[in-house]
Amino acid sequence: MKPAIQTFDLTKKYGDLVAVDSLNLEVQQGEIYGFLGPNGAGKTTTILMLLGLTEPTSGRLSVLGFNPLREPLKLKRLVGYLPENLGFYDDMTARQNLLYTARLNGISMVDAEDRIRKLLEDVGLSDAVDKKVSTFSKGMKQRLGMADVLLKDPKLMLLDEPTTGIDPEGVRHILNLIVESREKGKTVLLSSHLLYQVQKVCDRVGIFVKGRLIASGSIQHLGKEVIAGDKYVVEAEVPDATPALEEIIGRVEGVVKVSRSGSTLTIECRSDIRGKVAKAIVSSGYTLTQIRSHEYALDEIYSRYFEGESKS
């Protein structure tokens, strides 16, 4: 199965400014890919090139098997785009705006009415169906934007800061819709600076700095790469842990270091030796309630990469 998005040395320059620098990116079909980076990193410029709305200076790209510049109309039928700054007709209601989108996409009015009713309920705007968009807050417009994207039932969704300005309940609605979209086989490229949201829903992430993609992979992969290095980190929950147990685990072949905080033991190993560690704990008479690989936090990974960039 071909990737939903593929770029080859994709570059965009504005005069002397390199907005996107030799980007090689693959987003697989049916995954949620998080695009991370500060303002000005090149994320939005990349999305515009994927949509065929701006022309690359050099390099190649393929989106759902199409060249966005040569086959824009074919591609736009399959892609839903939610920009950071939304544009709706303020003098029209939420329903009227979505009906207009439906007409542009050749959706019959009967089907459109049913879809619009369901989508506005899904994004938490069922009470604002017939209210003019001029009365909407930024968060309400973001919700309406998500409904607008989903209305055409796209294969690929490009979402640029979709939860900006939305209250916590609205954020829950949007994130649930993104996850449901993946479950229906859709591909999602999510550009955001809200790391905890990205960690919650994304299968893989890419970290973008000064126009360059400096890292890409699952959060566990990136955490091991930037934080643990060549070590494997295991956490064991042992309610009756003692300093003596730390010494016992420290003697297990392959263990590099053991530390304890309350009932949690953090064990650095040369490889995944959870079985050996568990056996050592239980055979020594201690109570093991859980043993797991360490879960890395995206904010820590993100800050570590930026520390490395600032020193380079």
Foldseek 3Di string as FASTA:
>chain_A
DAFQKFWAQFWADDVPATQAGGDGDGHHWLFEEEEEEDPSLNPVVVVCLLLLNDPTPDTAMAHNRDRCVVPNVVVVLAEFEQAPDDDFDQQFFLLVRLVVLCVVNVHDPVLSVVLLCVLCVLQVNNVRRGPGNVPDDSQVVLSSSLSSRPSSVHQEYEYAASRPPHDPVSLVSSLVVVQVNSVVRHYYYYYDHPQVSCLVGGQKYFYGGSNYGPDIDGQVVLCCVQPVNQKWKKKWFFQPDDVVLLVQLCPQPFWDHWDDDHRIIITIGNDPPQVSSVCSQVVVPTDTPDMDTDRDGPVVSNVSVVVVVVVD
